[in-house]
Amino acid sequence: MPVEQRSGGSQVRAIVAGVVAVGVAVAGLWAFVAWAGRGDGPVQLRLGDDVFIAGQAERLSAQVAAEGPLLFSDVSGRGQVQPIYVAHFGDDPATQWSAVSAVAPGAESGCFLSWNTERDLYEERANVDGAGRQVGELCRDTTWSADGSSGSDGTALRTFPWRIDAEGSLVVDLRSPG
């Protein structure tokens, strides 16, 4: 039985056509993902959580009273994009909560807030070695109040709205700052 023989030019055209087809498919997929992620159409691409349920308000308020504000490493599920501190003031677990970003405005990479129990305020400290700093070393000589509303440099921390749900849990809304 005879076998078809192709010329070298036919083989090159077939390979080029295959590469072009794959390129068009990849470009089309990229364009679709970019369009879907714009956020202004009926389809919105959002990764991570919009709200964070910190836990039972009564238990959390007792823990804050004993240890100071609680640090939650990354509450958004997006990979260290949004660590927060949760603080409570007063005796009623249903009122007077504060949820603030653990990343100060203008913070350098690797610098996060740290609660200073002796001074009852937030400081900005390095959490990794590098950029001329060791872990725990001050990044800037700036401090913030326990509710994040006033910093020694005049800035405020990013705050998040909170509520106590029907089950008595503290719920922090990560969608919009307070």
Protein backbone atom coordinates (compact mmCIF):
# COMPACT_ATOMS: atom_id res chain seq x y z
CA MET A 1 0.00 0.00 0.00
CA PRO A 2 1.44 3.39 -0.95
CA VAL A 3 2.28 5.94 1.77
CA GLU A 4 1.60 9.61 1.10
CA GLN A 5 4.68 11.70 0.86
CA ARG A 6 4.49 15.37 1.75
CA SER A 7 6.83 18.04 0.73
CA GLY A 8 8.86 19.99 3.31
CA GLY A 9 6.75 23.10 2.59
CA SER A 10 3.52 21.29 3.49
CA GLN A 11 4.90 20.19 6.81
CA VAL A 12 6.10 23.71 7.69
CA ARG A 13 2.67 25.17 6.78
CA ALA A 14 0.94 22.58 9.03
CA ILE A 15 3.22 23.38 11.96
CA VAL A 16 2.78 27.15 11.53
CA ALA A 17 -1.01 26.73 11.31
CA GLY A 18 -0.99 24.70 14.56
CA VAL A 19 1.11 27.28 16.41
CA VAL A 20 -1.13 30.12 15.19
CA ALA A 21 -4.26 28.22 16.31
CA VAL A 22 -2.83 27.69 19.80
CA GLY A 23 -1.83 31.38 19.99
CA VAL A 24 -5.33 32.51 18.99
CA ALA A 25 -6.88 30.20 21.61
CA VAL A 26 -4.59 31.52 24.39
CA ALA A 27 -5.25 35.16 23.38
CA GLY A 28 -9.00 34.51 23.36
CA LEU A 29 -8.88 32.95 26.82
CA TRP A 30 -6.80 35.84 28.18
CA ALA A 31 -9.25 38.39 26.68
CA PHE A 32 -12.22 36.57 28.26
CA VAL A 33 -10.62 36.48 31.71
CA ALA A 34 -9.67 40.17 31.45
CA TRP A 35 -13.22 41.06 30.40
CA ALA A 36 -14.79 39.00 33.21
CA GLY A 37 -12.46 40.55 35.82
CA ARG A 38 -13.29 44.17 34.93
CA GLY A 39 -16.06 44.25 37.53
CA ASP A 40 -18.46 46.48 35.60
CA GLY A 41 -20.47 43.79 33.83
CA PRO A 42 -22.93 41.16 34.98
CA VAL A 43 -20.06 38.72 35.64
CA GLN A 44 -17.59 39.75 38.33
CA LEU A 45 -14.50 37.75 39.19
CA ARG A 46 -13.84 37.94 42.94
CA LEU A 47 -11.50 35.68 44.84
CA GLY A 48 -11.51 35.35 48.62
CA ASP A 49 -14.13 36.27 51.18
CA ASP A 50 -16.07 39.53 51.57
CA VAL A 51 -16.80 39.07 55.26
CA PHE A 52 -14.83 37.52 58.09
CA ILE A 53 -16.51 35.77 61.01
CA ALA A 54 -14.04 36.26 63.85
CA GLY A 55 -15.88 34.11 66.41
CA GLN A 56 -18.21 34.41 69.38
CA ALA A 57 -18.20 38.01 70.59
CA GLU A 58 -18.44 37.07 74.27
CA ARG A 59 -15.40 34.77 74.10
CA LEU A 60 -13.42 37.24 71.95
CA SER A 61 -14.12 40.18 74.28
CA ALA A 62 -12.77 38.18 77.24
CA GLN A 63 -9.68 37.24 75.24
CA VAL A 64 -9.05 40.85 74.19
CA ALA A 65 -9.44 41.98 77.82
CA ALA A 66 -6.80 39.45 78.89
CA GLU A 67 -4.33 39.68 75.97
CA GLY A 68 -5.01 42.87 74.01
CA PRO A 69 -6.18 43.17 70.39
CA LEU A 70 -6.27 39.92 68.40
CA LEU A 71 -4.31 39.56 65.17
CA PHE A 72 -5.92 37.56 62.37
CA SER A 73 -3.24 36.77 59.80
CA ASP A 74 -5.13 37.02 56.48
CA VAL A 75 -8.87 37.19 56.72
CA SER A 76 -9.55 37.68 53.01
CA GLY A 77 -8.17 34.36 51.83
CA ARG A 78 -6.13 36.18 49.20
CA GLY A 79 -2.65 35.47 50.59
CA GLN A 80 -1.55 38.04 53.21
CA VAL A 81 -3.43 40.83 51.49
CA GLN A 82 -5.55 41.75 54.50
CA PRO A 83 -4.39 40.89 58.01
CA ILE A 84 -6.47 42.68 60.66
CA TYR A 85 -6.47 43.43 64.38
CA VAL A 86 -9.73 43.17 66.32
CA ALA A 87 -10.06 45.10 69.59
CA HIS A 88 -12.89 45.49 72.09
CA PHE A 89 -13.58 48.33 74.52
CA GLY A 90 -15.98 48.25 77.46
CA ASP A 91 -17.91 45.49 79.20
CA ASP A 92 -20.68 44.71 76.67
CA PRO A 93 -19.56 42.13 74.06
CA ALA A 94 -22.24 43.40 71.67
CA THR A 95 -20.80 46.93 71.39
CA GLN A 96 -17.57 48.91 71.01
CA TRP A 97 -15.54 46.73 68.65
CA SER A 98 -12.77 47.92 66.36
CA ALA A 99 -11.38 46.12 63.31
CA VAL A 100 -8.30 47.74 61.72
CA SER A 101 -5.87 46.77 59.00
CA ALA A 102 -2.60 45.35 60.33
CA VAL A 103 -0.81 47.13 57.48
CA ALA A 104 -0.22 50.82 58.17
CA PRO A 105 -0.71 53.45 55.46
CA GLY A 106 2.53 53.78 53.48
CA ALA A 107 4.09 50.70 55.08
CA GLU A 108 7.15 49.19 53.45
CA SER A 109 7.08 45.57 52.36
CA GLY A 110 7.55 43.27 55.36
CA CYS A 111 6.35 45.86 57.91
CA PHE A 112 3.16 45.15 59.84
CA LEU A 113 1.50 46.50 62.96
CA SER A 114 2.34 45.00 66.31
CA TRP A 115 0.47 45.59 69.58
CA ASN A 116 2.60 47.06 72.36
CA THR A 117 1.01 45.89 75.62
CA GLU A 118 3.03 48.25 77.84
CA ARG A 119 2.04 51.36 75.89
CA ASP A 120 -1.45 50.22 74.72
CA LEU A 121 -0.85 51.19 71.10
CA TYR A 122 0.15 49.80 67.71
CA GLU A 123 3.71 50.07 66.39
CA GLU A 124 5.04 49.19 62.94
CA ARG A 125 7.60 46.38 63.07
CA ALA A 126 9.41 44.15 60.58
CA ASN A 127 8.11 40.59 60.36
CA VAL A 128 10.95 39.33 58.14
CA ASP A 129 14.68 39.91 57.99
CA GLY A 130 15.82 42.11 55.13
CA ALA A 131 15.95 45.67 53.86
CA GLY A 132 18.36 46.48 56.67
CA ARG A 133 16.01 45.27 59.43
CA GLN A 134 15.72 42.24 61.65
CA VAL A 135 12.46 40.61 62.71
CA GLY A 136 10.78 42.71 65.41
CA GLU A 137 12.74 45.88 64.68
CA LEU A 138 10.77 49.13 64.32
CA CYS A 139 10.10 50.09 60.71
CA ARG A 140 9.06 53.68 61.46
CA ASP A 141 8.79 55.59 64.69
CA THR A 142 5.03 55.95 64.26
CA THR A 143 2.34 54.66 66.61
CA TRP A 144 -1.46 54.37 66.43
CA SER A 145 -4.18 54.35 69.08
CA ALA A 146 -5.97 51.12 70.01
CA ASP A 147 -8.95 51.96 67.78
CA GLY A 148 -6.66 53.03 64.92
CA SER A 149 -8.22 56.48 64.64
CA SER A 150 -5.13 58.53 65.39
CA GLY A 151 -1.49 58.02 64.58
CA SER A 152 1.48 59.96 65.89
CA ASP A 153 2.06 61.13 62.30
CA GLY A 154 -1.57 62.27 61.83
CA THR A 155 -2.70 59.24 59.82
CA ALA A 156 -5.46 56.82 60.73
CA LEU A 157 -5.49 53.09 60.13
CA ARG A 158 -7.91 51.56 57.66
CA THR A 159 -10.95 50.42 59.65
CA PHE A 160 -13.65 47.92 58.73
CA PRO A 161 -17.34 47.89 59.65
CA TRP A 162 -18.41 45.16 62.04
CA ARG A 163 -21.63 43.72 63.45
CA ILE A 164 -22.77 41.04 65.87
CA ASP A 165 -24.95 38.50 64.08
CA ALA A 166 -27.96 36.57 65.42
CA GLU A 167 -25.70 33.79 66.75
CA GLY A 168 -23.58 36.26 68.73
CA SER A 169 -20.58 36.14 66.37
CA LEU A 170 -18.45 39.14 65.46
CA VAL A 171 -18.64 39.66 61.69
CA VAL A 172 -16.18 42.03 59.95
CA ASP A 173 -17.10 43.44 56.51
CA LEU A 174 -13.95 43.46 54.33
CA ARG A 175 -15.62 45.01 51.27
CA SER A 176 -15.45 48.61 52.32
CA PRO A 177 -13.45 50.49 54.91
CA GLY A 178 -15.38 52.09 57.74
